PDB file of N, CA and C in Angstrom:
ATOM      1  N   UNK A   1      67.654 -35.974  14.241  1.00  0.00           N
ATOM      2  CA  UNK A   1      68.238 -35.308  15.376  1.00  0.00           C
ATOM      3  C   UNK A   1      67.784 -36.010  16.682  1.00  0.00           C
ATOM      4  N   UNK A   2      66.540 -36.368  16.750  1.00  0.00           N
ATOM      5  CA  UNK A   2      66.053 -37.055  17.930  1.00  0.00           C
ATOM      6  C   UNK A   2      66.728 -38.407  18.093  1.00  0.00           C
ATOM      7  N   UNK A   3      66.909 -39.099  16.988  1.00  0.00           N
ATOM      8  CA  UNK A   3      67.583 -40.394  17.021  1.00  0.00           C
ATOM      9  C   UNK A   3      68.986 -40.245  17.572  1.00  0.00           C
ATOM     10  N   UNK A   4      69.674 -39.189  17.179  1.00  0.00           N
ATOM     11  CA  UNK A   4      71.018 -38.931  17.666  1.00  0.00           C
ATOM     12  C   UNK A   4      71.028 -38.677  19.170  1.00  0.00           C
ATOM     13  N   UNK A   5      70.079 -37.909  19.653  1.00  0.00           N
ATOM     14  CA  UNK A   5      69.988 -37.643  21.101  1.00  0.00           C
ATOM     15  C   UNK A   5      69.686 -38.916  21.881  1.00  0.00           C
ATOM     16  N   UNK A   6      68.814 -39.731  21.362  1.00  0.00           N
ATOM     17  CA  UNK A   6      68.516 -41.007  22.033  1.00  0.00           C
ATOM     18  C   UNK A   6      69.736 -41.925  22.069  1.00  0.00           C
ATOM     19  N   UNK A   7      70.478 -41.952  20.994  1.00  0.00           N
ATOM     20  CA  UNK A   7      71.688 -42.773  20.931  1.00  0.00           C
ATOM     21  C   UNK A   7      72.709 -42.286  21.974  1.00  0.00           C
ATOM     22  N   UNK A   8      72.917 -40.973  22.047  1.00  0.00           N
ATOM     23  CA  UNK A   8      73.846 -40.422  23.022  1.00  0.00           C
ATOM     24  C   UNK A   8      73.402 -40.761  24.447  1.00  0.00           C
ATOM     25  N   UNK A   9      72.126 -40.704  24.701  1.00  0.00           N
ATOM     26  CA  UNK A   9      71.591 -41.028  26.021  1.00  0.00           C
ATOM     27  C   UNK A   9      71.855 -42.495  26.357  1.00  0.00           C
ATOM     28  N   UNK A  10      71.677 -43.379  25.394  1.00  0.00           N
ATOM     29  CA  UNK A  10      71.931 -44.797  25.630  1.00  0.00           C
ATOM     30  C   UNK A  10      73.410 -45.056  25.899  1.00  0.00           C
ATOM     31  N   UNK A  11      74.296 -44.397  25.179  1.00  0.00           N
ATOM     32  CA  UNK A  11      75.732 -44.554  25.412  1.00  0.00           C
ATOM     33  C   UNK A  11      76.091 -44.013  26.790  1.00  0.00           C
ATOM     34  N   UNK A  12      75.540 -42.882  27.147  1.00  0.00           N
ATOM     35  CA  UNK A  12      75.770 -42.295  28.463  1.00  0.00           C
ATOM     36  C   UNK A  12      75.343 -43.269  29.556  1.00  0.00           C
ATOM     37  N   UNK A  13      74.160 -43.857  29.408  1.00  0.00           N
ATOM     38  CA  UNK A  13      73.689 -44.827  30.393  1.00  0.00           C
ATOM     39  C   UNK A  13      74.584 -46.069  30.427  1.00  0.00           C
ATOM     40  N   UNK A  14      75.106 -46.451  29.280  1.00  0.00           N
ATOM     41  CA  UNK A  14      76.002 -47.603  29.230  1.00  0.00           C
ATOM     42  C   UNK A  14      77.280 -47.307  30.036  1.00  0.00           C
ATOM     43  N   UNK A  15      77.806 -46.102  29.883  1.00  0.00           N
ATOM     44  CA  UNK A  15      79.008 -45.728  30.609  1.00  0.00           C
ATOM     45  C   UNK A  15      78.770 -45.686  32.120  1.00  0.00           C
ATOM     46  N   UNK A  16      77.538 -45.427  32.529  1.00  0.00           N
ATOM     47  CA  UNK A  16      77.187 -45.412  33.954  1.00  0.00           C
ATOM     48  C   UNK A  16      76.731 -46.785  34.453  1.00  0.00           C
ATOM     49  N   UNK A  17      76.846 -47.792  33.587  1.00  0.00           N
ATOM     50  CA  UNK A  17      76.384 -49.155  33.902  1.00  0.00           C
ATOM     51  C   UNK A  17      74.899 -49.226  34.200  1.00  0.00           C
ATOM     52  N   UNK A  18      74.137 -48.343  33.595  1.00  0.00           N
ATOM     53  CA  UNK A  18      72.678 -48.374  33.749  1.00  0.00           C
ATOM     54  C   UNK A  18      72.001 -49.095  32.602  1.00  0.00           C
ATOM     55  N   UNK A  19      72.753 -49.335  31.550  1.00  0.00           N
ATOM     56  CA  UNK A  19      72.205 -49.986  30.372  1.00  0.00           C
ATOM     57  C   UNK A  19      73.317 -50.777  29.697  1.00  0.00           C
ATOM     58  N   UNK A  20      72.932 -51.865  29.083  1.00  0.00           N
ATOM     59  CA  UNK A  20      73.876 -52.656  28.301  1.00  0.00           C
ATOM     60  C   UNK A  20      73.442 -52.602  26.856  1.00  0.00           C
ATOM     61  N   UNK A  21      74.379 -52.250  26.012  1.00  0.00           N
ATOM     62  CA  UNK A  21      74.084 -52.220  24.580  1.00  0.00           C
ATOM     63  C   UNK A  21      74.564 -53.503  23.953  1.00  0.00           C
ATOM     64  N   UNK A  22      73.759 -54.046  23.104  1.00  0.00           N
ATOM     65  CA  UNK A  22      74.135 -55.255  22.374  1.00  0.00           C
ATOM     66  C   UNK A  22      75.328 -54.921  21.471  1.00  0.00           C
ATOM     67  N   UNK A  23      76.363 -55.740  21.535  1.00  0.00           N
ATOM     68  CA  UNK A  23      77.566 -55.449  20.763  1.00  0.00           C
ATOM     69  C   UNK A  23      77.284 -55.379  19.276  1.00  0.00           C
ATOM     70  N   UNK A  24      76.280 -56.100  18.797  1.00  0.00           N
ATOM     71  CA  UNK A  24      75.919 -56.040  17.379  1.00  0.00           C
ATOM     72  C   UNK A  24      75.399 -54.645  16.994  1.00  0.00           C
ATOM     73  N   UNK A  25      74.742 -53.981  17.936  1.00  0.00           N
ATOM     74  CA  UNK A  25      74.167 -52.678  17.618  1.00  0.00           C
ATOM     75  C   UNK A  25      75.219 -51.567  17.605  1.00  0.00           C
ATOM     76  N   UNK A  26      76.379 -51.815  18.203  1.00  0.00           N
ATOM     77  CA  UNK A  26      77.410 -50.768  18.215  1.00  0.00           C
ATOM     78  C   UNK A  26      78.606 -51.124  17.369  1.00  0.00           C
ATOM     79  N   UNK A  27      78.709 -52.344  16.910  1.00  0.00           N
ATOM     80  CA  UNK A  27      79.933 -52.768  16.237  1.00  0.00           C
ATOM     81  C   UNK A  27      80.113 -52.204  14.844  1.00  0.00           C
ATOM     82  N   UNK A  28      79.062 -51.980  14.121  1.00  0.00           N
ATOM     83  CA  UNK A  28      79.209 -51.537  12.744  1.00  0.00           C
ATOM     84  C   UNK A  28      78.624 -50.156  12.522  1.00  0.00           C
ATOM     85  N   UNK A  29      79.457 -49.272  12.083  1.00  0.00           N
ATOM     86  CA  UNK A  29      79.000 -47.919  11.766  1.00  0.00           C
ATOM     87  C   UNK A  29      78.157 -47.885  10.490  1.00  0.00           C
ATOM     88  N   UNK A  30      78.144 -48.989   9.751  1.00  0.00           N
ATOM     89  CA  UNK A  30      77.358 -49.020   8.510  1.00  0.00           C
ATOM     90  C   UNK A  30      75.964 -49.605   8.696  1.00  0.00           C
ATOM     91  N   UNK A  31      75.715 -50.295   9.794  1.00  0.00           N
ATOM     92  CA  UNK A  31      74.411 -50.934   9.974  1.00  0.00           C
ATOM     93  C   UNK A  31      73.513 -50.255  11.002  1.00  0.00           C
ATOM     94  N   UNK A  32      74.043 -49.240  11.705  1.00  0.00           N
ATOM     95  CA  UNK A  32      73.179 -48.480  12.608  1.00  0.00           C
ATOM     96  C   UNK A  32      72.273 -47.590  11.751  1.00  0.00           C
ATOM     97  N   UNK A  33      71.343 -46.938  12.388  1.00  0.00           N
ATOM     98  CA  UNK A  33      70.396 -46.117  11.627  1.00  0.00           C
ATOM     99  C   UNK A  33      71.080 -45.003  10.862  1.00  0.00           C
ATOM    100  N   UNK A  34      72.033 -44.352  11.516  1.00  0.00           N
ATOM    101  CA  UNK A  34      72.753 -43.267  10.820  1.00  0.00           C
ATOM    102  C   UNK A  34      73.578 -43.841   9.677  1.00  0.00           C
ATOM    103  N   UNK A  35      74.242 -44.947   9.942  1.00  0.00           N
ATOM    104  CA  UNK A  35      75.064 -45.567   8.890  1.00  0.00           C
ATOM    105  C   UNK A  35      74.268 -46.011   7.696  1.00  0.00           C
ATOM    106  N   UNK A  36      73.091 -46.581   7.951  1.00  0.00           N
ATOM    107  CA  UNK A  36      72.239 -47.016   6.835  1.00  0.00           C
ATOM    108  C   UNK A  36      71.853 -45.818   5.974  1.00  0.00           C
ATOM    109  N   UNK A  37      71.564 -44.692   6.625  1.00  0.00           N
ATOM    110  CA  UNK A  37      71.225 -43.488   5.883  1.00  0.00           C
ATOM    111  C   UNK A  37      72.486 -42.945   5.159  1.00  0.00           C
ATOM    112  N   UNK A  38      73.584 -42.835   5.896  1.00  0.00           N
ATOM    113  CA  UNK A  38      74.806 -42.238   5.361  1.00  0.00           C
ATOM    114  C   UNK A  38      75.326 -42.995   4.152  1.00  0.00           C
ATOM    115  N   UNK A  39      75.244 -44.306   4.173  1.00  0.00           N
ATOM    116  CA  UNK A  39      75.778 -45.124   3.077  1.00  0.00           C
ATOM    117  C   UNK A  39      74.710 -45.523   2.064  1.00  0.00           C
ATOM    118  N   UNK A  40      73.556 -44.916   2.165  1.00  0.00           N
ATOM    119  CA  UNK A  40      72.501 -45.222   1.191  1.00  0.00           C
ATOM    120  C   UNK A  40      72.737 -44.424  -0.091  1.00  0.00           C
ATOM    121  N   UNK A  41      71.861 -44.590  -1.028  1.00  0.00           N
ATOM    122  CA  UNK A  41      71.974 -43.925  -2.319  1.00  0.00           C
ATOM    123  C   UNK A  41      71.456 -42.489  -2.179  1.00  0.00           C
ATOM    124  N   UNK A  42      72.338 -41.605  -1.772  1.00  0.00           N
ATOM    125  CA  UNK A  42      71.968 -40.200  -1.537  1.00  0.00           C
ATOM    126  C   UNK A  42      72.380 -39.342  -2.728  1.00  0.00           C
ATOM    127  N   UNK A  43      71.752 -38.196  -2.874  1.00  0.00           N
ATOM    128  CA  UNK A  43      72.086 -37.313  -3.984  1.00  0.00           C
ATOM    129  C   UNK A  43      73.538 -36.831  -3.909  1.00  0.00           C
ATOM    130  N   UNK A  44      74.153 -36.651  -5.051  1.00  0.00           N
ATOM    131  CA  UNK A  44      75.545 -36.231  -5.131  1.00  0.00           C
ATOM    132  C   UNK A  44      75.762 -34.876  -4.468  1.00  0.00           C
ATOM    133  N   UNK A  45      74.785 -33.972  -4.580  1.00  0.00           N
ATOM    134  CA  UNK A  45      74.969 -32.654  -3.963  1.00  0.00           C
ATOM    135  C   UNK A  45      75.119 -32.780  -2.463  1.00  0.00           C
ATOM    136  N   UNK A  46      74.633 -33.861  -1.861  1.00  0.00           N
ATOM    137  CA  UNK A  46      74.785 -34.079  -0.420  1.00  0.00           C
ATOM    138  C   UNK A  46      76.099 -34.803  -0.136  1.00  0.00           C
ATOM    139  N   UNK A  47      76.348 -35.902  -0.834  1.00  0.00           N
ATOM    140  CA  UNK A  47      77.543 -36.712  -0.564  1.00  0.00           C
ATOM    141  C   UNK A  47      78.853 -36.014  -0.935  1.00  0.00           C
ATOM    142  N   UNK A  48      78.787 -35.053  -1.810  1.00  0.00           N
ATOM    143  CA  UNK A  48      79.987 -34.309  -2.186  1.00  0.00           C
ATOM    144  C   UNK A  48      80.253 -33.120  -1.256  1.00  0.00           C
ATOM    145  N   UNK A  49      79.326 -32.839  -0.391  1.00  0.00           N
ATOM    146  CA  UNK A  49      79.475 -31.736   0.552  1.00  0.00           C
ATOM    147  C   UNK A  49      80.523 -32.091   1.605  1.00  0.00           C
ATOM    148  N   UNK A  50      81.450 -31.207   1.868  1.00  0.00           N
ATOM    149  CA  UNK A  50      82.557 -31.497   2.791  1.00  0.00           C
ATOM    150  C   UNK A  50      82.062 -31.756   4.210  1.00  0.00           C
ATOM    151  N   UNK A  51      81.015 -31.076   4.622  1.00  0.00           N
ATOM    152  CA  UNK A  51      80.479 -31.295   5.981  1.00  0.00           C
ATOM    153  C   UNK A  51      79.900 -32.715   6.085  1.00  0.00           C
ATOM    154  N   UNK A  52      79.201 -33.147   5.053  1.00  0.00           N
ATOM    155  CA  UNK A  52      78.696 -34.521   5.037  1.00  0.00           C
ATOM    156  C   UNK A  52      79.850 -35.506   5.125  1.00  0.00           C
ATOM    157  N   UNK A  53      80.892 -35.285   4.362  1.00  0.00           N
ATOM    158  CA  UNK A  53      82.045 -36.196   4.339  1.00  0.00           C
ATOM    159  C   UNK A  53      82.763 -36.210   5.681  1.00  0.00           C
ATOM    160  N   UNK A  54      82.804 -35.071   6.369  1.00  0.00           N
ATOM    161  CA  UNK A  54      83.472 -34.980   7.671  1.00  0.00           C
ATOM    162  C   UNK A  54      82.736 -35.749   8.781  1.00  0.00           C
ATOM    163  N   UNK A  55      81.509 -36.127   8.542  1.00  0.00           N
ATOM    164  CA  UNK A  55      80.729 -36.885   9.508  1.00  0.00           C
ATOM    165  C   UNK A  55      81.214 -38.323   9.642  1.00  0.00           C
ATOM    166  N   UNK A  56      81.804 -38.860   8.588  1.00  0.00           N
ATOM    167  CA  UNK A  56      82.152 -40.297   8.561  1.00  0.00           C
ATOM    168  C   UNK A  56      83.150 -40.677   9.651  1.00  0.00           C
ATOM    169  N   UNK A  57      84.232 -39.967   9.792  1.00  0.00           N
ATOM    170  CA  UNK A  57      85.260 -40.358  10.763  1.00  0.00           C
ATOM    171  C   UNK A  57      84.777 -40.302  12.209  1.00  0.00           C
ATOM    172  N   UNK A  58      84.152 -39.210  12.660  1.00  0.00           N
ATOM    173  CA  UNK A  58      83.658 -39.212  14.042  1.00  0.00           C
ATOM    174  C   UNK A  58      82.591 -40.287  14.274  1.00  0.00           C
ATOM    175  N   UNK A  59      81.785 -40.550  13.276  1.00  0.00           N
ATOM    176  CA  UNK A  59      80.756 -41.594  13.402  1.00  0.00           C
ATOM    177  C   UNK A  59      81.421 -42.956  13.606  1.00  0.00           C
ATOM    178  N   UNK A  60      82.441 -43.259  12.831  1.00  0.00           N
ATOM    179  CA  UNK A  60      83.169 -44.503  12.996  1.00  0.00           C
ATOM    180  C   UNK A  60      83.806 -44.583  14.381  1.00  0.00           C
ATOM    181  N   UNK A  61      84.353 -43.478  14.844  1.00  0.00           N
ATOM    182  CA  UNK A  61      85.020 -43.409  16.152  1.00  0.00           C
ATOM    183  C   UNK A  61      84.032 -43.705  17.282  1.00  0.00           C
ATOM    184  N   UNK A  62      82.835 -43.180  17.198  1.00  0.00           N
ATOM    185  CA  UNK A  62      81.821 -43.436  18.229  1.00  0.00           C
ATOM    186  C   UNK A  62      81.576 -44.929  18.333  1.00  0.00           C
ATOM    187  N   UNK A  63      81.448 -45.603  17.220  1.00  0.00           N
ATOM    188  CA  UNK A  63      81.222 -47.059  17.240  1.00  0.00           C
ATOM    189  C   UNK A  63      82.425 -47.796  17.822  1.00  0.00           C
ATOM    190  N   UNK A  64      83.611 -47.372  17.474  1.00  0.00           N
ATOM    191  CA  UNK A  64      84.812 -48.013  18.027  1.00  0.00           C
ATOM    192  C   UNK A  64      84.863 -47.838  19.534  1.00  0.00           C
ATOM    193  N   UNK A  65      84.579 -46.667  20.019  1.00  0.00           N
ATOM    194  CA  UNK A  65      84.632 -46.415  21.464  1.00  0.00           C
ATOM    195  C   UNK A  65      83.534 -47.165  22.214  1.00  0.00           C
ATOM    196  N   UNK A  66      82.369 -47.258  21.619  1.00  0.00           N
ATOM    197  CA  UNK A  66      81.280 -48.016  22.262  1.00  0.00           C
ATOM    198  C   UNK A  66      81.596 -49.491  22.314  1.00  0.00           C
ATOM    199  N   UNK A  67      82.227 -49.989  21.289  1.00  0.00           N
ATOM    200  CA  UNK A  67      82.573 -51.413  21.262  1.00  0.00           C
ATOM    201  C   UNK A  67      83.603 -51.716  22.343  1.00  0.00           C
ATOM    202  N   UNK A  68      84.564 -50.831  22.534  1.00  0.00           N
ATOM    203  CA  UNK A  68      85.590 -51.001  23.567  1.00  0.00           C
ATOM    204  C   UNK A  68      84.952 -50.940  24.955  1.00  0.00           C
ATOM    205  N   UNK A  69      84.032 -50.012  25.149  1.00  0.00           N
ATOM    206  CA  UNK A  69      83.388 -49.833  26.452  1.00  0.00           C
ATOM    207  C   UNK A  69      82.412 -50.931  26.783  1.00  0.00           C
ATOM    208  N   UNK A  70      81.872 -51.560  25.765  1.00  0.00           N
ATOM    209  CA  UNK A  70      80.865 -52.581  25.956  1.00  0.00           C
ATOM    210  C   UNK A  70      81.567 -53.834  26.339  1.00  0.00           C
TER     211      UNK A  70
END
């Protein structure tokens, strides 16, 4: 949860031109910290959960929007 808040803060600062994010850190939704966790070998009871599955699309969208803004 803390990692998510820090990420949002960094994106917010980027939009205000207070911070520059490396394009490599925002380009792939699979290599960020959340992506590494999300696409790791997780238990089926978690990955089959509809709420878990619904996280994928917005997560990908965040990376797409950051890449465009960067």
